[in-house]
Amino acid sequence: MPKNRNRHKSQRSFLAKLSIFIRNCAIFAVVISLVYAWQRVIKPASILGPPAESLPIWKTNLLRAQLMPSIATLNATKTNSNVITEFVVMSGENANTISERLATEGIVPDANLLTQYMIYKGIDSRIQSGYFQFTGDMNTIQIAHSLTSSIPSKINFYIWPGWRREQLAQSLARHPHLSVDSDTFLAFVNRDLQLPGQYDFINQMPPETPLEGYLYPGNYIFSPKASESEILNQILTTFDNNTSYIHDQANLHNLTLHEFVTLASIVQRELIVEDEASKIASVFLNRLALGMPLAADATTQYALATSNNWWPKLSADPRLVDNPYNTYVIAGLPPGPICNPSANTLQSVANAEDTDLLYFRAACDNSGRHNFSYTYEQHLAASCN
């Protein structure tokens, strides 16, 4: 009897161990299945994302089956380089043709894979014709999506008269189709970095003086993704090509080129109506000749500016501001330009009216025009109070 009981006990122990073993095997199989499903189904599906809403279910499943085994290829990049490859999509080109050309040029590894992904996401019907730039660290998925947003082959950019160098740097850096870092651009303008070219006017500037005043306003056409040095070179070359007449005119006013540009920058910030530029220039030239302070609000605004407000209104007595740009208390011109004057303003200073005017102040009709006076008494009488 005892032997029988021992035999039954041994059988139960064996069955219990077998049950545990089978259970552990089942758990292991489930884990393996889940891992397999994650690696082969769930993760690829999440990378692919939802299909185009217009895609039929059968085609969705077919494309998924074709794409999921190639997720690694879709995510692969050619290099980690930021070297730019240019590419143009012609009007009317279809996804197949574009994919073949991209693969031939080595921009994507597999033309069919790109076409399938574009169809799956509905990108094939949203491809734009135009100019594109791809970097070596872009994968097939990124390239596919970028095909829906072409870059203009020419970037139009306008430099406004009266901008400070910081305003220009900020505007260039915000442009989505230019590759400009505002700090790097300012480092060039401040001459902390070597200039990108040779310019005639540089030798007539004080050494190490920033290029404020020489960033010639107007409309420019830049290449897509143009860099700081490319853009600055174009701007400074434009100044050189359009201001050769200034040298002789500056001498007629007993000014150096730098003083001439400085005066033009003050006129630029003081005027609102352009046809008053030559008369405002006349006032300042007369004051300089008499040794009077220029008393220009704009120069003190330049001194008080912050990155939150480049042209603050003067709320206190400007004579209390201790700064070399305060022309209320310091006679003569400030150390340098306060903005970048337009071609019209430079020409107006060169051809300043021959007057005896010494004062001007804003007219009281909100027209933006000024009342000009010969005497201080006339100036006071023109007050709006």
Protein backbone atom coordinates (compact mmCIF):
# COMPACT_ATOMS: atom_id res chain seq x y z
CA MET A 1 0.00 0.00 0.00
CA PRO A 2 2.69 2.53 0.86
CA LYS A 3 4.41 1.79 -2.45
CA ASN A 4 1.12 2.55 -4.29
CA ARG A 5 0.76 5.88 -2.53
CA ASN A 6 4.32 6.82 -3.32
CA ARG A 7 3.75 5.97 -6.96
CA HIS A 8 0.62 8.18 -7.11
CA LYS A 9 2.45 10.99 -5.33
CA SER A 10 5.32 10.75 -7.82
CA GLN A 11 2.87 10.86 -10.74
CA ARG A 12 1.13 13.95 -9.30
CA SER A 13 4.48 15.67 -8.82
CA PHE A 14 5.46 14.88 -12.39
CA LEU A 15 2.13 16.17 -13.74
CA ALA A 16 2.48 19.35 -11.69
CA LYS A 17 5.96 19.96 -13.04
CA LEU A 18 4.75 19.18 -16.56
CA SER A 19 1.90 21.66 -16.10
CA ILE A 20 4.29 24.37 -14.95
CA PHE A 21 6.61 23.65 -17.85
CA ILE A 22 3.76 23.81 -20.37
CA ARG A 23 2.48 27.03 -18.79
CA ASN A 24 5.94 28.62 -18.95
CA CYS A 25 6.31 27.50 -22.56
CA ALA A 26 2.95 29.05 -23.35
CA ILE A 27 3.94 32.32 -21.66
CA PHE A 28 7.24 32.30 -23.53
CA ALA A 29 5.42 31.66 -26.81
CA VAL A 30 3.03 34.53 -26.14
CA VAL A 31 5.93 36.87 -25.35
CA ILE A 32 7.76 35.81 -28.49
CA SER A 33 4.57 36.30 -30.53
CA LEU A 34 4.04 39.75 -29.05
CA VAL A 35 7.62 40.75 -29.74
CA TYR A 36 7.32 39.43 -33.26
CA ALA A 37 4.00 41.24 -33.76
CA TRP A 38 5.54 44.47 -32.39
CA GLN A 39 8.59 44.24 -34.60
CA ARG A 40 6.86 43.06 -37.76
CA VAL A 41 3.36 44.58 -37.53
CA ILE A 42 2.68 47.16 -34.80
CA LYS A 43 5.91 49.17 -35.00
CA PRO A 44 6.00 49.25 -38.83
CA ALA A 45 2.33 50.23 -38.90
CA SER A 46 2.98 53.08 -36.46
CA ILE A 47 5.88 54.33 -38.58
CA LEU A 48 3.77 54.20 -41.71
CA GLY A 49 0.96 56.01 -39.95
CA PRO A 50 -2.61 56.18 -41.22
CA PRO A 51 -3.22 55.76 -44.94
CA ALA A 52 -4.90 58.31 -47.20
CA GLU A 53 -8.62 58.44 -46.45
CA SER A 54 -9.51 57.90 -50.10
CA LEU A 55 -7.50 54.66 -50.32
CA PRO A 56 -9.65 51.48 -50.58
CA ILE A 57 -9.23 48.94 -47.77
CA TRP A 58 -7.87 46.25 -50.08
CA LYS A 59 -5.25 48.63 -51.48
CA THR A 60 -4.34 49.85 -47.98
CA ASN A 61 -3.65 46.29 -46.84
CA LEU A 62 -1.73 45.47 -50.02
CA LEU A 63 0.51 48.53 -49.69
CA ARG A 64 1.06 47.86 -45.98
CA ALA A 65 2.14 44.32 -46.80
CA GLN A 66 4.59 45.68 -49.37
CA LEU A 67 5.93 48.51 -47.20
CA MET A 68 6.20 46.95 -43.73
CA PRO A 69 9.09 44.58 -44.52
CA SER A 70 11.03 47.59 -45.86
CA ILE A 71 10.64 49.96 -42.91
CA ALA A 72 14.41 49.99 -42.36
CA THR A 73 14.95 51.15 -45.96
CA LEU A 74 12.27 53.82 -45.63
CA ASN A 75 14.00 55.15 -42.51
CA ALA A 76 17.54 54.86 -43.84
CA THR A 77 19.51 58.00 -44.65
CA LYS A 78 22.19 58.21 -47.30
CA THR A 79 24.63 60.03 -45.02
CA ASN A 80 24.60 62.25 -41.97
CA SER A 81 25.80 65.09 -44.13
CA ASN A 82 23.98 68.39 -44.64
CA VAL A 83 25.26 68.61 -48.21
CA ILE A 84 22.37 69.90 -50.32
CA THR A 85 21.20 68.17 -53.52
CA GLU A 86 19.01 70.27 -55.81
CA PHE A 87 16.05 68.70 -57.60
CA VAL A 88 13.39 70.11 -59.92
CA VAL A 89 9.94 68.56 -60.43
CA MET A 90 8.51 69.48 -63.82
CA SER A 91 4.85 70.35 -64.24
CA GLY A 92 2.78 67.23 -64.99
CA GLU A 93 5.37 64.69 -63.78
CA ASN A 94 3.80 61.71 -62.00
CA ALA A 95 4.98 59.92 -58.86
CA ASN A 96 6.60 57.03 -60.78
CA THR A 97 8.73 59.29 -62.95
CA ILE A 98 9.77 61.45 -60.01
CA SER A 99 10.69 58.38 -57.93
CA GLU A 100 12.77 56.93 -60.74
CA ARG A 101 14.71 60.19 -61.12
CA LEU A 102 15.26 60.50 -57.38
CA ALA A 103 16.61 56.95 -57.27
CA THR A 104 18.81 57.49 -60.34
CA GLU A 105 20.35 60.57 -58.72
CA GLY A 106 20.98 58.60 -55.52
CA ILE A 107 18.61 60.72 -53.41
CA VAL A 108 16.46 57.71 -52.43
CA PRO A 109 17.53 54.04 -52.35
CA ASP A 110 14.43 52.48 -53.94
CA ALA A 111 12.11 54.09 -56.50
CA ASN A 112 9.28 51.55 -56.11
CA LEU A 113 9.34 51.91 -52.33
CA LEU A 114 9.03 55.69 -52.59
CA THR A 115 6.14 55.42 -55.07
CA GLN A 116 4.30 52.90 -52.86
CA TYR A 117 4.72 55.10 -49.79
CA MET A 118 3.47 58.18 -51.67
CA ILE A 119 0.39 56.29 -52.85
CA TYR A 120 -0.24 54.93 -49.33
CA LYS A 121 -0.14 58.45 -47.85
CA GLY A 122 -1.93 60.12 -50.75
CA ILE A 123 1.16 62.20 -51.51
CA ASP A 124 1.18 61.12 -55.16
CA SER A 125 -1.78 63.43 -55.86
CA ARG A 126 -0.32 66.38 -53.92
CA ILE A 127 3.18 66.61 -55.43
CA GLN A 128 4.09 70.17 -56.35
CA SER A 129 6.14 71.10 -59.35
CA GLY A 130 9.07 73.37 -58.66
CA TYR A 131 12.43 73.53 -56.95
CA PHE A 132 13.47 71.28 -54.05
CA GLN A 133 16.55 70.82 -51.91
CA PHE A 134 17.35 67.55 -50.13
CA THR A 135 20.07 66.96 -47.57
CA GLY A 136 21.97 63.72 -47.09
CA ASP A 137 20.40 63.13 -43.68
CA MET A 138 16.85 62.96 -45.08
CA ASN A 139 15.20 59.54 -45.35
CA THR A 140 12.68 58.34 -47.94
CA ILE A 141 9.68 59.24 -45.77
CA GLN A 142 10.93 62.80 -45.24
CA ILE A 143 11.71 63.22 -48.92
CA ALA A 144 8.24 61.98 -49.87
CA HIS A 145 6.51 64.52 -47.62
CA SER A 146 8.77 67.37 -48.71
CA LEU A 147 7.59 66.86 -52.32
CA THR A 148 4.29 68.50 -51.36
CA SER A 149 5.98 71.83 -50.64
CA SER A 150 8.34 73.17 -53.27
CA ILE A 151 10.80 75.99 -52.70
CA PRO A 152 10.75 79.01 -55.03
CA SER A 153 13.73 78.88 -57.37
CA LYS A 154 14.29 82.56 -56.62
CA ILE A 155 13.79 84.15 -53.21
CA ASN A 156 12.50 87.71 -53.33
CA PHE A 157 13.48 89.72 -50.28
CA TYR A 158 12.97 93.41 -49.56
CA ILE A 159 15.26 95.41 -47.29
CA TRP A 160 13.26 98.31 -45.90
CA PRO A 161 14.84 101.77 -45.71
CA GLY A 162 15.35 102.80 -42.11
CA TRP A 163 15.97 99.31 -40.77
CA ARG A 164 18.76 98.82 -38.25
CA ARG A 165 21.19 96.00 -38.88
CA GLU A 166 19.50 93.95 -36.14
CA GLN A 167 16.10 94.28 -37.82
CA LEU A 168 17.56 93.04 -41.10
CA ALA A 169 19.28 90.11 -39.37
CA GLN A 170 16.05 89.09 -37.64
CA SER A 171 14.02 89.29 -40.84
CA LEU A 172 16.54 87.23 -42.82
CA ALA A 173 16.68 84.60 -40.08
CA ARG A 174 12.88 84.26 -40.05
CA HIS A 175 12.68 83.61 -43.79
CA PRO A 176 11.83 79.90 -44.31
CA HIS A 177 13.78 79.60 -47.56
CA LEU A 178 17.04 81.22 -46.46
CA SER A 179 19.76 79.67 -44.29
CA VAL A 180 20.59 82.64 -42.09
CA ASP A 181 21.49 82.69 -38.43
CA SER A 182 20.93 86.21 -37.11
CA ASP A 183 23.94 86.12 -34.78
CA THR A 184 26.25 84.97 -37.57
CA PHE A 185 24.91 87.62 -39.93
CA LEU A 186 25.47 90.30 -37.29
CA ALA A 187 29.00 89.01 -36.68
CA PHE A 188 29.73 89.69 -40.37
CA VAL A 189 28.06 93.11 -40.24
CA ASN A 190 29.93 94.01 -37.05
CA ARG A 191 33.11 92.90 -38.82
CA ASP A 192 33.89 90.25 -36.25
CA LEU A 193 34.14 87.83 -39.19
CA GLN A 194 36.05 88.35 -42.41
CA LEU A 195 33.89 89.98 -45.07
CA PRO A 196 32.93 87.74 -48.02
CA GLY A 197 34.34 90.07 -50.68
CA GLN A 198 36.25 93.24 -51.55
CA TYR A 199 34.31 96.52 -51.65
CA ASP A 200 35.48 99.99 -52.69
CA PHE A 201 33.76 101.84 -49.84
CA ILE A 202 35.42 99.81 -47.07
CA ASN A 203 38.70 101.75 -47.32
CA GLN A 204 36.79 105.00 -46.71
CA MET A 205 35.29 103.77 -43.45
CA PRO A 206 36.94 104.01 -40.03
CA PRO A 207 38.69 100.68 -39.24
CA GLU A 208 36.54 97.99 -37.64
CA THR A 209 33.39 100.13 -37.96
CA PRO A 210 30.16 98.11 -38.31
CA LEU A 211 28.44 98.10 -41.68
CA GLU A 212 25.34 99.87 -40.38
CA GLY A 213 24.27 102.30 -43.10
CA TYR A 214 25.81 100.28 -45.95
CA LEU A 215 23.19 97.50 -46.08
CA TYR A 216 21.61 98.96 -49.19
CA PRO A 217 17.78 98.88 -49.06
CA GLY A 218 15.71 97.63 -51.95
CA ASN A 219 14.45 94.44 -53.56
CA TYR A 220 16.83 91.48 -53.79
CA ILE A 221 16.66 88.06 -55.38
CA PHE A 222 18.56 85.43 -53.41
CA SER A 223 19.16 81.76 -54.14
CA PRO A 224 17.18 79.29 -52.02
CA LYS A 225 18.97 78.53 -48.74
CA ALA A 226 21.43 81.37 -49.35
CA SER A 227 23.90 81.76 -46.48
CA GLU A 228 24.86 84.82 -44.44
CA SER A 229 28.02 85.46 -46.46
CA GLU A 230 26.26 85.06 -49.83
CA ILE A 231 23.51 87.48 -48.86
CA LEU A 232 25.83 90.07 -47.32
CA ASN A 233 28.12 89.95 -50.35
CA GLN A 234 25.18 90.69 -52.63
CA ILE A 235 24.00 93.58 -50.45
CA LEU A 236 27.42 95.22 -50.12
CA THR A 237 28.15 94.77 -53.83
CA THR A 238 24.84 96.48 -54.60
CA PHE A 239 25.84 99.41 -52.37
CA ASP A 240 29.19 99.66 -54.18
CA ASN A 241 27.55 99.54 -57.62
CA ASN A 242 24.93 102.18 -56.88
CA THR A 243 26.71 104.80 -54.79
CA SER A 244 29.82 105.78 -56.70
CA TYR A 245 28.40 109.31 -57.06
CA ILE A 246 28.43 109.76 -53.26
CA HIS A 247 32.19 110.23 -53.04
CA ASP A 248 32.19 113.50 -55.01
CA GLN A 249 28.98 114.75 -53.39
CA ALA A 250 30.30 114.08 -49.90
CA ASN A 251 33.36 116.21 -50.67
CA LEU A 252 31.10 119.08 -51.81
CA HIS A 253 29.48 119.04 -48.36
CA ASN A 254 32.88 118.80 -46.64
CA LEU A 255 31.98 115.32 -45.41
CA THR A 256 33.76 111.99 -45.62
CA LEU A 257 31.85 109.09 -47.15
CA HIS A 258 31.15 107.69 -43.69
CA GLU A 259 29.88 111.06 -42.45
CA PHE A 260 27.71 111.39 -45.53
CA VAL A 261 26.10 107.98 -44.97
CA THR A 262 25.67 108.80 -41.27
CA LEU A 263 23.84 112.02 -42.12
CA ALA A 264 21.66 110.20 -44.67
CA SER A 265 20.72 107.63 -42.06
CA ILE A 266 19.53 110.38 -39.69
CA VAL A 267 17.51 112.02 -42.48
CA GLN A 268 15.98 108.60 -43.25
CA ARG A 269 14.71 108.13 -39.70
CA GLU A 270 13.44 111.73 -39.39
CA LEU A 271 11.40 111.83 -42.58
CA ILE A 272 8.00 110.31 -43.26
CA VAL A 273 7.14 111.95 -46.58
CA GLU A 274 9.96 111.28 -49.04
CA ASP A 275 9.81 114.60 -50.88
CA GLU A 276 10.95 116.34 -47.69
CA ALA A 277 14.28 114.49 -47.57
CA SER A 278 16.35 117.17 -49.32
CA LYS A 279 14.89 119.92 -47.10
CA ILE A 280 15.56 117.95 -43.89
CA ALA A 281 19.11 117.33 -45.15
CA SER A 282 19.46 121.08 -45.67
CA VAL A 283 18.52 121.77 -42.02
CA PHE A 284 21.11 119.30 -40.71
CA LEU A 285 23.86 120.54 -43.07
CA ASN A 286 23.20 124.12 -41.93
CA ARG A 287 23.40 123.06 -38.30
CA LEU A 288 26.66 121.23 -38.90
CA ALA A 289 28.11 124.29 -40.62
CA LEU A 290 27.19 126.48 -37.62
CA GLY A 291 28.41 123.98 -35.01
CA MET A 292 24.88 123.51 -33.64
CA PRO A 293 23.73 120.18 -32.20
CA LEU A 294 21.64 118.24 -34.71
CA ALA A 295 19.06 117.53 -31.96
CA ALA A 296 17.67 114.54 -33.87
CA ASP A 297 15.27 112.34 -31.90
CA ALA A 298 16.22 109.33 -34.05
CA THR A 299 19.82 109.27 -32.84
CA THR A 300 18.73 109.13 -29.21
CA GLN A 301 16.19 106.43 -30.08
CA TYR A 302 19.06 104.47 -31.58
CA ALA A 303 20.98 104.83 -28.31
CA LEU A 304 18.04 103.73 -26.13
CA ALA A 305 16.90 100.79 -28.27
CA THR A 306 16.40 97.24 -26.96
CA SER A 307 15.70 93.98 -28.75
CA ASN A 308 12.05 94.40 -27.79
CA ASN A 309 11.81 97.88 -29.31
CA TRP A 310 14.42 99.05 -31.79
CA TRP A 311 12.89 102.54 -32.11
CA PRO A 312 11.45 103.53 -28.70
CA LYS A 313 9.51 106.75 -28.32
CA LEU A 314 11.26 109.39 -26.25
CA SER A 315 9.21 109.81 -23.09
CA ALA A 316 11.83 111.77 -21.11
CA ASP A 317 14.06 114.75 -21.80
CA PRO A 318 16.57 113.41 -24.39
CA ARG A 319 19.23 115.80 -23.05
CA LEU A 320 19.50 113.55 -20.01
CA VAL A 321 20.67 110.55 -22.04
CA ASP A 322 24.42 110.03 -21.71
CA ASN A 323 25.42 108.43 -25.00
CA PRO A 324 27.67 109.40 -27.95
CA TYR A 325 24.63 109.02 -30.22
CA ASN A 326 22.70 111.71 -28.33
CA THR A 327 22.84 114.63 -30.77
CA TYR A 328 20.95 116.89 -28.38
CA VAL A 329 24.01 117.32 -26.18
CA ILE A 330 26.89 116.37 -28.51
CA ALA A 331 27.57 118.66 -31.44
CA GLY A 332 28.28 117.21 -34.86
CA LEU A 333 27.47 113.80 -36.26
CA PRO A 334 27.25 110.65 -34.11
CA PRO A 335 29.95 107.93 -34.43
CA GLY A 336 28.20 106.20 -37.32
CA PRO A 337 24.94 105.60 -39.19
CA ILE A 338 21.83 104.74 -37.17
CA CYS A 339 20.05 102.82 -39.94
CA ASN A 340 20.34 101.94 -43.61
CA PRO A 341 19.19 104.85 -45.83
CA SER A 342 17.45 104.33 -49.14
CA ALA A 343 18.78 105.28 -52.57
CA ASN A 344 16.30 108.19 -52.63
CA THR A 345 17.52 109.50 -49.26
CA LEU A 346 21.19 109.21 -50.27
CA GLN A 347 20.41 111.10 -53.48
CA SER A 348 18.42 113.73 -51.56
CA VAL A 349 21.33 114.39 -49.20
CA ALA A 350 23.67 114.61 -52.19
CA ASN A 351 21.30 117.21 -53.71
CA ALA A 352 20.18 118.90 -50.51
CA GLU A 353 18.24 122.13 -50.99
CA ASP A 354 20.23 125.32 -50.60
CA THR A 355 18.39 127.03 -47.75
CA ASP A 356 19.01 128.85 -44.49
CA LEU A 357 16.53 126.63 -42.60
CA LEU A 358 17.60 125.55 -39.11
CA TYR A 359 14.51 123.91 -37.58
CA PHE A 360 11.67 121.55 -38.42
CA ARG A 361 8.93 119.87 -36.45
CA ALA A 362 5.93 117.68 -37.24
CA ALA A 363 2.95 119.47 -38.74
CA CYS A 364 -0.23 119.45 -36.67
CA ASP A 365 -2.47 117.82 -39.30
CA ASN A 366 -1.18 114.21 -38.89
CA SER A 367 -0.04 114.26 -42.50
CA GLY A 368 3.48 113.14 -41.66
CA ARG A 369 4.85 116.36 -43.10
CA HIS A 370 6.94 118.95 -41.25
CA ASN A 371 6.91 122.70 -40.70
CA PHE A 372 10.32 124.24 -41.40
CA SER A 373 11.64 127.39 -39.74
CA TYR A 374 14.54 129.81 -40.03
CA THR A 375 14.51 130.99 -36.42
CA TYR A 376 13.87 129.41 -33.05
CA GLU A 377 10.94 131.79 -32.50
CA GLN A 378 9.29 130.54 -35.70
CA HIS A 379 10.01 127.00 -34.55
CA LEU A 380 8.22 127.58 -31.23
CA ALA A 381 5.31 129.25 -32.98
CA ALA A 382 4.83 126.11 -35.10
CA SER A 383 4.11 124.04 -31.97
CA CYS A 384 0.84 122.15 -31.92
CA ASN A 385 0.10 123.14 -28.31
